[in-house]
Structures are given as C-alpha cells and as structure tokens.
Amino acid sequence: MTVFVGKDSAGTRKTLSAGGKTVAYYSIPAAEAAGLGTFSKLPAALKVVLENMLRFEDGNTVTLDDIKAFSDWAANGGKNPREIAYRPARVLMQDFTGVPAVVDLAAMRDGIKALGGDAQKINPLNPVDLVIDHSVMIDEFGNPRAFQMNVDREYERNMERYTFLKWGQGAFNNFRVVPPGTGICHQVNLEYLSQTVWTDEDQNGETVAYPDTLVGTDSHTTMVNGLAVLGWGVGGIEAEAAMLGQPVSMLIPEVVGFKLTGAMLEGTTATDLVLKVVQMLRAHGVVGK
C-alpha cells in the first residue's frame, strides 16, 4: 500500500539502515532540534500521535502549529483544547458495522460505473480488517463437535452475506475478511493483526516505517494498547471515514497515568485490580471524552 506522507517542512524525516535495508522515519528529537517545541517528556501515547502529525504535516490538514501545540500541552499541565487531524494506520471492523461499509463501497462502484467512470478506482485508502464474530450464535454445546456444528450453522444462516463479503475481499484493495469461528474481534486483533511497526512505500517509492495505530468499531479495541499499539473504539461512520482516507478529527487527548506500588492482598486477583482502576478512572472523569 502507498502511504501519502506530508511535505516535512521542518526536516524531521530521517533514515535508518539495518539488515541491508534502509527505511525512513519521522524523528521527534529532530522536531525539537528544528525549534518546534520540547517533546521529550510527553507520555508515550502522545509521542505516537505526534509522530503522526510529523508524518502527515502538509500545511493544510496538519500544520506546524498543530505540532507545536504538543509542546504547549505539556506546558499547560496536560491539557490543550486544540483540534488535530489524526490518520490511523488501519481500521478494524466487526460484522455489524463492517458489512454496511462494504455495501457502501459496492454502491459507490455502481454509481461510478453509471457515470461512465472506472469502478476499480473505488477502494479503501487505509487497510481494513473485517472480523466476523458478532453474528455467530451458539446452538450446540457440551460435545466435541459443538464448535464445528456452530460454524456450519452460521454459514447456512448467512450464506448470502458471506458470499458478498468473499466477493468484496477479492474485489477491493486493502480489504481483508476474517471468517467466523476464528475468534473475537479484539482478540484476533491482538494475536494476528497487530504489528507494532508498519513499513510501506510512500508516493516517492521510498520505504517508510511508522507505528501501528488503529480505530475499531468494537468497544474493546483499546485492549491492543497492551502491545504498545495505539487504538481506540469509534462509531461506524467514523471508521468508514477513516477507511476512505479521511483524518479523525479530535482534540489533543488528555492522558491519565497510574503508578502501582506495593503488593496485592491474598485472595485478590488481577480482575479485582483492573476493576478498581476502572472505578478510579470513572471517578476521575474519563467517560465521554
């Protein structure tokens, strides 16, 4: 896939050679050296977002002032209500939101064809993985053949849908379908789809390395942050816009840090700890941000 990078006004693009290959990347220390601000003490998650700004800086959707705002974020105690345009590396969808998106793409192709255009030009501009899990029902259980019987029944019930999705996977670029029975959407993302670092060619044919980031239409998408992959859940419209190459508009995020000390009491579990952390986050006011 071709990554269309920005114009790099501040000269933050550098190269790294290893294993006989050379890749380009966008350097935060180089941004500091160019006088764009002080970024060394930013949280790791915001450094990933900042790299995204450096890579797509074009003077229009992303400006040098957007980049400088990250330095202001730190100076203002972790808050800066500046709106930025963020472009995720990929999009994750489950079947309830993904199938309508593929229908929209097919309708666009029909529309282009009716106008005498080239229908093959209609494709996702960002990689999309559609994981079929939400529609799977449990009819059989408690016997060795239960899994296969449930998967077979799922294909019987929804064969028209899966025929359509199989066509879509072959017809569209940058689009993959994970069939039913593979696993839950966010778990498949953790175990199979995430890469932490992606490499692709830019519009000039040079290889660029950049962090793995995503938006997903599953509320558990944020689980992937445990692998140092920045991801969060969005609605179907936002995911479809990202799929078509539109940036995600958002304020520079606030970041809440946790420092865990001591030891857990006997009889408590990791789940107890997680639930306590979630309770504290809700009390802090992170819901609805």
C-alpha atoms as a PDB file:
ATOM      1  CA  MET A   1       0.000   0.000   0.000  1.00  0.00           C
ATOM      2  CA  THR A   2       1.211   3.515  -0.783  1.00  0.00           C
ATOM      3  CA  VAL A   3       1.399   5.928   2.159  1.00  0.00           C
ATOM      4  CA  PHE A   4       0.950   9.558   1.125  1.00  0.00           C
ATOM      5  CA  VAL A   5       3.173  11.485   3.526  1.00  0.00           C
ATOM      6  CA  GLY A   6       3.316  15.246   4.019  1.00  0.00           C
ATOM      7  CA  LYS A   7       5.914  17.782   2.923  1.00  0.00           C
ATOM      8  CA  ASP A   8       8.040  17.687   6.117  1.00  0.00           C
ATOM      9  CA  SER A   9       8.610  21.444   6.342  1.00  0.00           C
ATOM     10  CA  ALA A  10      10.785  21.123   9.452  1.00  0.00           C
ATOM     11  CA  GLY A  11      13.036  18.374   8.075  1.00  0.00           C
ATOM     12  CA  THR A  12      12.161  15.725  10.661  1.00  0.00           C
ATOM     13  CA  ARG A  13      12.418  12.795   8.260  1.00  0.00           C
ATOM     14  CA  LYS A  14      15.487  10.640   8.904  1.00  0.00           C
ATOM     15  CA  THR A  15      16.746   7.254   7.695  1.00  0.00           C
ATOM     16  CA  LEU A  16      17.733   4.061   9.475  1.00  0.00           C
ATOM     17  CA  SER A  17      19.780   1.252   7.925  1.00  0.00           C
ATOM     18  CA  ALA A  18      19.680  -2.317   9.241  1.00  0.00           C
ATOM     19  CA  GLY A  19      19.947  -5.769   7.710  1.00  0.00           C
ATOM     20  CA  GLY A  20      20.926  -4.353   4.352  1.00  0.00           C
ATOM     21  CA  LYS A  21      17.770  -2.233   4.119  1.00  0.00           C
ATOM     22  CA  THR A  22      17.177   1.477   4.599  1.00  0.00           C
ATOM     23  CA  VAL A  23      13.891   2.892   5.854  1.00  0.00           C
ATOM     24  CA  ALA A  24      12.763   6.438   6.507  1.00  0.00           C
ATOM     25  CA  TYR A  25      11.086   7.520   9.730  1.00  0.00           C
ATOM     26  CA  TYR A  26       9.942  10.744  11.364  1.00  0.00           C
ATOM     27  CA  SER A  27      12.060  11.834  14.314  1.00  0.00           C
ATOM     28  CA  ILE A  28      10.715  13.596  17.401  1.00  0.00           C
ATOM     29  CA  PRO A  29      14.242  14.674  18.501  1.00  0.00           C
ATOM     30  CA  ALA A  30      14.629  16.234  15.040  1.00  0.00           C
ATOM     31  CA  ALA A  31      11.404  18.165  15.639  1.00  0.00           C
ATOM     32  CA  GLU A  32      12.860  19.500  18.886  1.00  0.00           C
ATOM     33  CA  ALA A  33      16.097  20.445  17.116  1.00  0.00           C
ATOM     34  CA  ALA A  34      14.046  22.320  14.499  1.00  0.00           C
ATOM     35  CA  GLY A  35      12.599  24.513  17.249  1.00  0.00           C
ATOM     36  CA  LEU A  36       9.063  23.109  17.178  1.00  0.00           C
ATOM     37  CA  GLY A  37       8.965  22.601  20.948  1.00  0.00           C
ATOM     38  CA  THR A  38      10.008  20.349  23.802  1.00  0.00           C
ATOM     39  CA  PHE A  39       8.584  16.855  23.482  1.00  0.00           C
ATOM     40  CA  SER A  40      10.925  14.575  25.436  1.00  0.00           C
ATOM     41  CA  LYS A  41       8.650  14.367  28.490  1.00  0.00           C
ATOM     42  CA  LEU A  42       5.429  13.667  26.612  1.00  0.00           C
ATOM     43  CA  PRO A  43       3.640  10.397  27.505  1.00  0.00           C
ATOM     44  CA  ALA A  44       4.479   7.560  25.117  1.00  0.00           C
ATOM     45  CA  ALA A  45       0.933   7.509  23.707  1.00  0.00           C
ATOM     46  CA  LEU A  46       1.139  11.184  22.743  1.00  0.00           C
ATOM     47  CA  LYS A  47       4.527  10.657  21.113  1.00  0.00           C
ATOM     48  CA  VAL A  48       2.810   8.198  18.775  1.00  0.00           C
ATOM     49  CA  VAL A  49       0.210  10.845  17.918  1.00  0.00           C
ATOM     50  CA  LEU A  50       2.969  13.439  17.479  1.00  0.00           C
ATOM     51  CA  GLU A  51       4.815  11.181  15.024  1.00  0.00           C
ATOM     52  CA  ASN A  52       1.571  11.013  13.056  1.00  0.00           C
ATOM     53  CA  MET A  53       1.496  14.818  12.892  1.00  0.00           C
ATOM     54  CA  LEU A  54       5.112  14.951  11.697  1.00  0.00           C
ATOM     55  CA  ARG A  55       4.489  12.327   9.025  1.00  0.00           C
ATOM     56  CA  PHE A  56       1.382  13.973   7.586  1.00  0.00           C
ATOM     57  CA  GLU A  57       2.297  17.655   8.027  1.00  0.00           C
ATOM     58  CA  ASP A  58       1.103  19.259   4.800  1.00  0.00           C
ATOM     59  CA  GLY A  59       0.359  22.838   5.816  1.00  0.00           C
ATOM     60  CA  ASN A  60      -3.354  22.189   5.395  1.00  0.00           C
ATOM     61  CA  THR A  61      -4.835  19.325   7.421  1.00  0.00           C
ATOM     62  CA  VAL A  62      -1.759  19.249   9.669  1.00  0.00           C
ATOM     63  CA  THR A  63       0.253  22.420  10.268  1.00  0.00           C
ATOM     64  CA  LEU A  64       3.426  23.267  12.158  1.00  0.00           C
ATOM     65  CA  ASP A  65       1.228  24.995  14.744  1.00  0.00           C
ATOM     66  CA  ASP A  66      -0.533  21.660  15.345  1.00  0.00           C
ATOM     67  CA  ILE A  67       2.859  20.119  16.091  1.00  0.00           C
ATOM     68  CA  LYS A  68       3.901  22.978  18.375  1.00  0.00           C
ATOM     69  CA  ALA A  69       0.651  22.509  20.303  1.00  0.00           C
ATOM     70  CA  PHE A  70       2.005  19.243  21.718  1.00  0.00           C
ATOM     71  CA  SER A  71       4.724  21.198  23.485  1.00  0.00           C
ATOM     72  CA  ASP A  72       2.047  23.567  24.814  1.00  0.00           C
ATOM     73  CA  TRP A  73       0.122  20.508  26.040  1.00  0.00           C
ATOM     74  CA  ALA A  74       2.945  19.689  28.428  1.00  0.00           C
ATOM     75  CA  ALA A  75       3.365  23.319  29.497  1.00  0.00           C
ATOM     76  CA  ASN A  76      -0.379  23.587  30.274  1.00  0.00           C
ATOM     77  CA  GLY A  77      -0.457  20.650  32.644  1.00  0.00           C
ATOM     78  CA  GLY A  78      -1.576  18.024  30.161  1.00  0.00           C
ATOM     79  CA  LYS A  79      -4.391  19.974  28.537  1.00  0.00           C
ATOM     80  CA  ASN A  80      -4.635  21.751  25.212  1.00  0.00           C
ATOM     81  CA  PRO A  81      -8.038  22.087  23.520  1.00  0.00           C
ATOM     82  CA  ARG A  82      -6.517  22.239  20.043  1.00  0.00           C
ATOM     83  CA  GLU A  83      -8.235  20.169  17.378  1.00  0.00           C
ATOM     84  CA  ILE A  84      -5.985  17.933  15.295  1.00  0.00           C
ATOM     85  CA  ALA A  85      -6.430  15.673  12.263  1.00  0.00           C
ATOM     86  CA  TYR A  86      -5.201  12.176  13.068  1.00  0.00           C
ATOM     87  CA  ARG A  87      -4.761   9.403  10.495  1.00  0.00           C
ATOM     88  CA  PRO A  88      -4.738   5.827  11.839  1.00  0.00           C
ATOM     89  CA  ALA A  89      -2.602   3.220  10.108  1.00  0.00           C
ATOM     90  CA  ARG A  90      -5.549   0.833   9.727  1.00  0.00           C
ATOM     91  CA  VAL A  91      -9.208   0.213  10.529  1.00  0.00           C
ATOM     92  CA  LEU A  92     -10.711  -2.723  12.427  1.00  0.00           C
ATOM     93  CA  MET A  93     -14.374  -3.636  11.930  1.00  0.00           C
ATOM     94  CA  GLN A  94     -16.720  -6.298  13.204  1.00  0.00           C
ATOM     95  CA  ASP A  95     -19.508  -7.635  11.020  1.00  0.00           C
ATOM     96  CA  PHE A  96     -22.384  -5.474  12.297  1.00  0.00           C
ATOM     97  CA  THR A  97     -20.640  -2.270  11.187  1.00  0.00           C
ATOM     98  CA  GLY A  98     -18.346  -3.734   8.537  1.00  0.00           C
ATOM     99  CA  VAL A  99     -20.983  -5.242   6.256  1.00  0.00           C
ATOM    100  CA  PRO A 100     -22.769  -1.874   5.716  1.00  0.00           C
ATOM    101  CA  ALA A 101     -19.384  -0.307   4.917  1.00  0.00           C
ATOM    102  CA  VAL A 102     -18.747  -2.879   2.184  1.00  0.00           C
ATOM    103  CA  VAL A 103     -22.270  -2.265   0.855  1.00  0.00           C
ATOM    104  CA  ASP A 104     -21.429   1.451   0.672  1.00  0.00           C
ATOM    105  CA  LEU A 105     -18.257   0.705  -1.295  1.00  0.00           C
ATOM    106  CA  ALA A 106     -20.196  -1.523  -3.698  1.00  0.00           C
ATOM    107  CA  ALA A 107     -22.827   1.212  -4.143  1.00  0.00           C
ATOM    108  CA  MET A 108     -20.070   3.735  -4.905  1.00  0.00           C
ATOM    109  CA  ARG A 109     -18.736   1.427  -7.602  1.00  0.00           C
ATOM    110  CA  ASP A 110     -22.205   1.140  -9.121  1.00  0.00           C
ATOM    111  CA  GLY A 111     -22.524   4.923  -9.060  1.00  0.00           C
ATOM    112  CA  ILE A 112     -19.141   5.486 -10.718  1.00  0.00           C
ATOM    113  CA  LYS A 113     -19.948   2.888 -13.378  1.00  0.00           C
ATOM    114  CA  ALA A 114     -23.318   4.528 -14.097  1.00  0.00           C
ATOM    115  CA  LEU A 115     -21.498   7.823 -14.677  1.00  0.00           C
ATOM    116  CA  GLY A 116     -19.102   6.183 -17.122  1.00  0.00           C
ATOM    117  CA  GLY A 117     -16.140   6.129 -14.735  1.00  0.00           C
ATOM    118  CA  ASP A 118     -13.739   3.403 -13.666  1.00  0.00           C
ATOM    119  CA  ALA A 119     -15.339   1.430 -10.826  1.00  0.00           C
ATOM    120  CA  GLN A 120     -11.970  -0.132  -9.935  1.00  0.00           C
ATOM    121  CA  LYS A 121     -10.860   3.214  -8.527  1.00  0.00           C
ATOM    122  CA  ILE A 122     -13.218   2.807  -5.549  1.00  0.00           C
ATOM    123  CA  ASN A 123     -11.193   1.131  -2.785  1.00  0.00           C
ATOM    124  CA  PRO A 124     -10.411   1.654   0.898  1.00  0.00           C
ATOM    125  CA  LEU A 125      -7.456   4.025   1.176  1.00  0.00           C
ATOM    126  CA  ASN A 126      -6.471   2.579   4.556  1.00  0.00           C
ATOM    127  CA  PRO A 127      -6.128  -1.158   5.286  1.00  0.00           C
ATOM    128  CA  VAL A 128      -9.349  -2.634   6.671  1.00  0.00           C
ATOM    129  CA  ASP A 129      -9.784  -5.912   8.545  1.00  0.00           C
ATOM    130  CA  LEU A 130     -13.360  -7.115   8.999  1.00  0.00           C
ATOM    131  CA  VAL A 131     -13.671  -9.794  11.695  1.00  0.00           C
ATOM    132  CA  ILE A 132     -16.916 -11.779  11.682  1.00  0.00           C
ATOM    133  CA  ASP A 133     -17.810 -12.514  15.286  1.00  0.00           C
ATOM    134  CA  HIS A 134     -20.873 -10.569  16.434  1.00  0.00           C
ATOM    135  CA  SER A 135     -23.400 -12.556  14.405  1.00  0.00           C
ATOM    136  CA  VAL A 136     -22.207 -16.029  15.468  1.00  0.00           C
ATOM    137  CA  MET A 137     -24.784 -17.865  17.610  1.00  0.00           C
ATOM    138  CA  ILE A 138     -24.421 -20.891  19.888  1.00  0.00           C
ATOM    139  CA  ASP A 139     -26.759 -23.756  19.031  1.00  0.00           C
ATOM    140  CA  GLU A 140     -24.614 -26.681  20.154  1.00  0.00           C
ATOM    141  CA  PHE A 141     -22.517 -27.050  23.285  1.00  0.00           C
ATOM    142  CA  GLY A 142     -21.092 -29.678  25.590  1.00  0.00           C
ATOM    143  CA  ASN A 143     -19.839 -32.059  22.909  1.00  0.00           C
ATOM    144  CA  PRO A 144     -16.603 -32.367  20.879  1.00  0.00           C
ATOM    145  CA  ARG A 145     -18.299 -31.344  17.612  1.00  0.00           C
ATOM    146  CA  ALA A 146     -20.037 -28.252  19.020  1.00  0.00           C
ATOM    147  CA  PHE A 147     -17.583 -25.736  17.560  1.00  0.00           C
ATOM    148  CA  GLN A 148     -17.733 -27.096  14.010  1.00  0.00           C
ATOM    149  CA  MET A 149     -21.508 -27.533  14.153  1.00  0.00           C
ATOM    150  CA  ASN A 150     -21.990 -23.910  15.231  1.00  0.00           C
ATOM    151  CA  VAL A 151     -19.716 -22.634  12.451  1.00  0.00           C
ATOM    152  CA  ASP A 152     -21.530 -24.781   9.860  1.00  0.00           C
ATOM    153  CA  ARG A 153     -24.898 -23.476  11.065  1.00  0.00           C
ATOM    154  CA  GLU A 154     -23.607 -19.905  10.832  1.00  0.00           C
ATOM    155  CA  TYR A 155     -22.696 -20.383   7.168  1.00  0.00           C
ATOM    156  CA  GLU A 156     -26.113 -21.921   6.488  1.00  0.00           C
ATOM    157  CA  ARG A 157     -27.931 -18.981   8.055  1.00  0.00           C
ATOM    158  CA  ASN A 158     -25.872 -16.223   6.452  1.00  0.00           C
ATOM    159  CA  MET A 159     -24.507 -17.704   3.223  1.00  0.00           C
ATOM    160  CA  GLU A 160     -25.683 -14.707   1.177  1.00  0.00           C
ATOM    161  CA  ARG A 161     -23.780 -12.338   3.467  1.00  0.00           C
ATOM    162  CA  TYR A 162     -20.575 -14.390   3.319  1.00  0.00           C
ATOM    163  CA  THR A 163     -20.764 -14.766  -0.442  1.00  0.00           C
ATOM    164  CA  PHE A 164     -20.971 -10.983  -0.661  1.00  0.00           C
ATOM    165  CA  LEU A 165     -18.035 -10.478   1.726  1.00  0.00           C
ATOM    166  CA  LYS A 166     -15.912 -13.017  -0.145  1.00  0.00           C
ATOM    167  CA  TRP A 167     -16.609 -11.058  -3.323  1.00  0.00           C
ATOM    168  CA  GLY A 168     -15.610  -7.850  -1.524  1.00  0.00           C
ATOM    169  CA  GLN A 169     -12.313  -9.298  -0.348  1.00  0.00           C
ATOM    170  CA  GLY A 170     -11.422 -10.188  -3.921  1.00  0.00           C
ATOM    171  CA  ALA A 171     -12.781  -7.003  -5.474  1.00  0.00           C
ATOM    172  CA  PHE A 172     -11.367  -4.296  -3.178  1.00  0.00           C
ATOM    173  CA  ASN A 173      -7.773  -3.442  -2.405  1.00  0.00           C
ATOM    174  CA  ASN A 174      -6.692  -3.063   1.238  1.00  0.00           C
ATOM    175  CA  PHE A 175      -9.619  -5.162   2.486  1.00  0.00           C
ATOM    176  CA  ARG A 176      -9.457  -8.489   4.340  1.00  0.00           C
ATOM    177  CA  VAL A 177     -12.177 -10.626   5.915  1.00  0.00           C
ATOM    178  CA  VAL A 178     -11.562 -12.877   8.924  1.00  0.00           C
ATOM    179  CA  PRO A 179     -14.156 -15.699   8.720  1.00  0.00           C
ATOM    180  CA  PRO A 180     -16.479 -16.804  11.539  1.00  0.00           C
ATOM    181  CA  GLY A 181     -15.027 -19.249  14.027  1.00  0.00           C
ATOM    182  CA  THR A 182     -11.602 -17.564  14.112  1.00  0.00           C
ATOM    183  CA  GLY A 183     -12.157 -15.648  17.330  1.00  0.00           C
ATOM    184  CA  ILE A 184     -13.475 -12.485  18.926  1.00  0.00           C
ATOM    185  CA  CYS A 185     -12.706  -9.249  17.086  1.00  0.00           C
ATOM    186  CA  HIS A 186     -10.409  -7.615  19.640  1.00  0.00           C
ATOM    187  CA  GLN A 187      -8.618 -10.891  20.414  1.00  0.00           C
ATOM    188  CA  VAL A 188      -7.936 -11.542  16.719  1.00  0.00           C
ATOM    189  CA  ASN A 189      -6.576  -8.009  16.556  1.00  0.00           C
ATOM    190  CA  LEU A 190      -4.198  -8.737  19.433  1.00  0.00           C
ATOM    191  CA  GLU A 191      -2.983 -12.121  18.232  1.00  0.00           C
ATOM    192  CA  TYR A 192      -2.943 -11.869  14.438  1.00  0.00           C
ATOM    193  CA  LEU A 193      -3.425  -8.384  13.005  1.00  0.00           C
ATOM    194  CA  SER A 194      -1.232  -6.066  15.088  1.00  0.00           C
ATOM    195  CA  GLN A 195       2.350  -5.404  14.000  1.00  0.00           C
ATOM    196  CA  THR A 196       3.544  -2.565  16.314  1.00  0.00           C
ATOM    197  CA  VAL A 197       5.537  -1.119  13.376  1.00  0.00           C
ATOM    198  CA  TRP A 198       4.469  -0.966   9.727  1.00  0.00           C
ATOM    199  CA  THR A 199       6.608  -0.376   6.652  1.00  0.00           C
ATOM    200  CA  ASP A 200       5.190   0.818   3.342  1.00  0.00           C
ATOM    201  CA  GLU A 201       6.313   2.781   0.323  1.00  0.00           C
ATOM    202  CA  ASP A 202       5.426   6.459   0.130  1.00  0.00           C
ATOM    203  CA  GLN A 203       4.353   8.314  -3.013  1.00  0.00           C
ATOM    204  CA  ASN A 204       8.027   8.673  -3.989  1.00  0.00           C
ATOM    205  CA  GLY A 205       8.722   4.940  -3.794  1.00  0.00           C
ATOM    206  CA  GLU A 206      10.764   5.152  -0.572  1.00  0.00           C
ATOM    207  CA  THR A 207      10.121   2.793   2.350  1.00  0.00           C
ATOM    208  CA  VAL A 208       8.739   4.455   5.482  1.00  0.00           C
ATOM    209  CA  ALA A 209       8.464   2.892   8.951  1.00  0.00           C
ATOM    210  CA  TYR A 210       5.712   4.114  11.267  1.00  0.00           C
ATOM    211  CA  PRO A 211       3.859   2.997  14.419  1.00  0.00           C
ATOM    212  CA  ASP A 212       0.874   0.670  14.229  1.00  0.00           C
ATOM    213  CA  THR A 213      -2.280   2.590  15.177  1.00  0.00           C
ATOM    214  CA  LEU A 214      -5.944   1.933  14.525  1.00  0.00           C
ATOM    215  CA  VAL A 215      -9.554   2.825  15.111  1.00  0.00           C
ATOM    216  CA  GLY A 216     -12.011  -0.010  15.593  1.00  0.00           C
ATOM    217  CA  THR A 217     -15.775  -0.422  15.789  1.00  0.00           C
ATOM    218  CA  ASP A 218     -15.511  -2.712  18.809  1.00  0.00           C
ATOM    219  CA  SER A 219     -15.553  -1.165  22.287  1.00  0.00           C
ATOM    220  CA  HIS A 220     -12.714  -3.463  23.377  1.00  0.00           C
ATOM    221  CA  THR A 221     -10.351  -2.150  20.688  1.00  0.00           C
ATOM    222  CA  THR A 222      -8.330  -0.403  23.406  1.00  0.00           C
ATOM    223  CA  MET A 223      -7.074  -3.818  24.595  1.00  0.00           C
ATOM    224  CA  VAL A 224      -4.429  -3.588  21.881  1.00  0.00           C
ATOM    225  CA  ASN A 225      -2.727  -0.753  23.754  1.00  0.00           C
ATOM    226  CA  GLY A 226      -1.201  -3.507  25.895  1.00  0.00           C
ATOM    227  CA  LEU A 227       1.005  -4.329  22.886  1.00  0.00           C
ATOM    228  CA  ALA A 228       2.094  -0.677  22.512  1.00  0.00           C
ATOM    229  CA  VAL A 229      -0.330  -0.314  19.584  1.00  0.00           C
ATOM    230  CA  LEU A 230      -2.370   2.876  19.922  1.00  0.00           C
ATOM    231  CA  GLY A 231      -6.024   2.111  19.271  1.00  0.00           C
ATOM    232  CA  TRP A 232      -9.480   3.139  20.368  1.00  0.00           C
ATOM    233  CA  GLY A 233     -13.105   2.469  19.560  1.00  0.00           C
ATOM    234  CA  VAL A 234     -15.207   4.657  17.274  1.00  0.00           C
ATOM    235  CA  GLY A 235     -18.617   4.505  15.621  1.00  0.00           C
ATOM    236  CA  GLY A 236     -19.285   3.024  12.216  1.00  0.00           C
ATOM    237  CA  ILE A 237     -19.409   6.399  10.434  1.00  0.00           C
ATOM    238  CA  GLU A 238     -16.028   7.459  11.851  1.00  0.00           C
ATOM    239  CA  ALA A 239     -14.476   4.118  10.935  1.00  0.00           C
ATOM    240  CA  GLU A 240     -15.828   4.292   7.397  1.00  0.00           C
ATOM    241  CA  ALA A 241     -14.464   7.831   7.010  1.00  0.00           C
ATOM    242  CA  ALA A 242     -11.029   6.623   8.163  1.00  0.00           C
ATOM    243  CA  MET A 243     -11.309   3.709   5.733  1.00  0.00           C
ATOM    244  CA  LEU A 244     -11.789   6.225   2.915  1.00  0.00           C
ATOM    245  CA  GLY A 245      -8.704   8.200   3.925  1.00  0.00           C
ATOM    246  CA  GLN A 246     -10.331  10.955   5.958  1.00  0.00           C
ATOM    247  CA  PRO A 247      -8.478  12.013   9.123  1.00  0.00           C
ATOM    248  CA  VAL A 248     -10.093  11.551  12.517  1.00  0.00           C
ATOM    249  CA  SER A 249     -10.797  14.974  13.996  1.00  0.00           C
ATOM    250  CA  MET A 250     -10.166  15.166  17.743  1.00  0.00           C
ATOM    251  CA  LEU A 251      -8.699  17.311  20.487  1.00  0.00           C
ATOM    252  CA  ILE A 252      -5.187  16.547  21.676  1.00  0.00           C
ATOM    253  CA  PRO A 253      -6.010  13.840  24.230  1.00  0.00           C
ATOM    254  CA  GLU A 254      -5.599  14.149  27.950  1.00  0.00           C
ATOM    255  CA  VAL A 255      -3.516  11.346  29.453  1.00  0.00           C
ATOM    256  CA  VAL A 256      -4.099   9.764  32.857  1.00  0.00           C
ATOM    257  CA  GLY A 257      -1.167   7.886  34.371  1.00  0.00           C
ATOM    258  CA  PHE A 258      -1.263   5.149  37.008  1.00  0.00           C
ATOM    259  CA  LYS A 259       1.600   4.202  39.303  1.00  0.00           C
ATOM    260  CA  LEU A 260       1.073   0.888  41.074  1.00  0.00           C
ATOM    261  CA  THR A 261       3.120   0.202  44.203  1.00  0.00           C
ATOM    262  CA  GLY A 262       3.175  -2.455  46.890  1.00  0.00           C
ATOM    263  CA  ALA A 263       1.579  -5.900  46.633  1.00  0.00           C
ATOM    264  CA  MET A 264      -1.959  -7.187  46.258  1.00  0.00           C
ATOM    265  CA  LEU A 265      -3.701  -8.754  49.245  1.00  0.00           C
ATOM    266  CA  GLU A 266      -4.006 -12.514  49.434  1.00  0.00           C
ATOM    267  CA  GLY A 267      -7.167 -13.713  47.718  1.00  0.00           C
ATOM    268  CA  THR A 268      -7.407 -10.807  45.281  1.00  0.00           C
ATOM    269  CA  THR A 269      -6.969 -11.257  41.533  1.00  0.00           C
ATOM    270  CA  ALA A 270      -5.841  -9.245  38.527  1.00  0.00           C
ATOM    271  CA  THR A 271      -9.520  -8.724  37.708  1.00  0.00           C
ATOM    272  CA  ASP A 272     -10.038  -7.057  41.091  1.00  0.00           C
ATOM    273  CA  LEU A 273      -7.172  -4.686  40.338  1.00  0.00           C
ATOM    274  CA  VAL A 274      -8.500  -3.830  36.881  1.00  0.00           C
ATOM    275  CA  LEU A 275     -11.997  -3.150  38.220  1.00  0.00           C
ATOM    276  CA  LYS A 276     -10.555  -0.847  40.880  1.00  0.00           C
ATOM    277  CA  VAL A 277      -8.557   1.053  38.265  1.00  0.00           C
ATOM    278  CA  VAL A 278     -11.671   1.425  36.085  1.00  0.00           C
ATOM    279  CA  GLN A 279     -13.642   2.691  39.090  1.00  0.00           C
ATOM    280  CA  MET A 280     -10.973   5.318  39.773  1.00  0.00           C
ATOM    281  CA  LEU A 281     -10.877   6.363  36.120  1.00  0.00           C
ATOM    282  CA  ARG A 282     -14.643   6.841  36.056  1.00  0.00           C
ATOM    283  CA  ALA A 283     -14.436   8.934  39.214  1.00  0.00           C
ATOM    284  CA  HIS A 284     -11.685  10.993  37.583  1.00  0.00           C
ATOM    285  CA  GLY A 285     -13.993  11.761  34.648  1.00  0.00           C
ATOM    286  CA  VAL A 286     -12.632   9.899  31.628  1.00  0.00           C
ATOM    287  CA  VAL A 287     -16.024   8.670  30.358  1.00  0.00           C
ATOM    288  CA  GLY A 288     -17.411  10.536  27.372  1.00  0.00           C
ATOM    289  CA  LYS A 289     -14.084  12.067  26.323  1.00  0.00           C
END
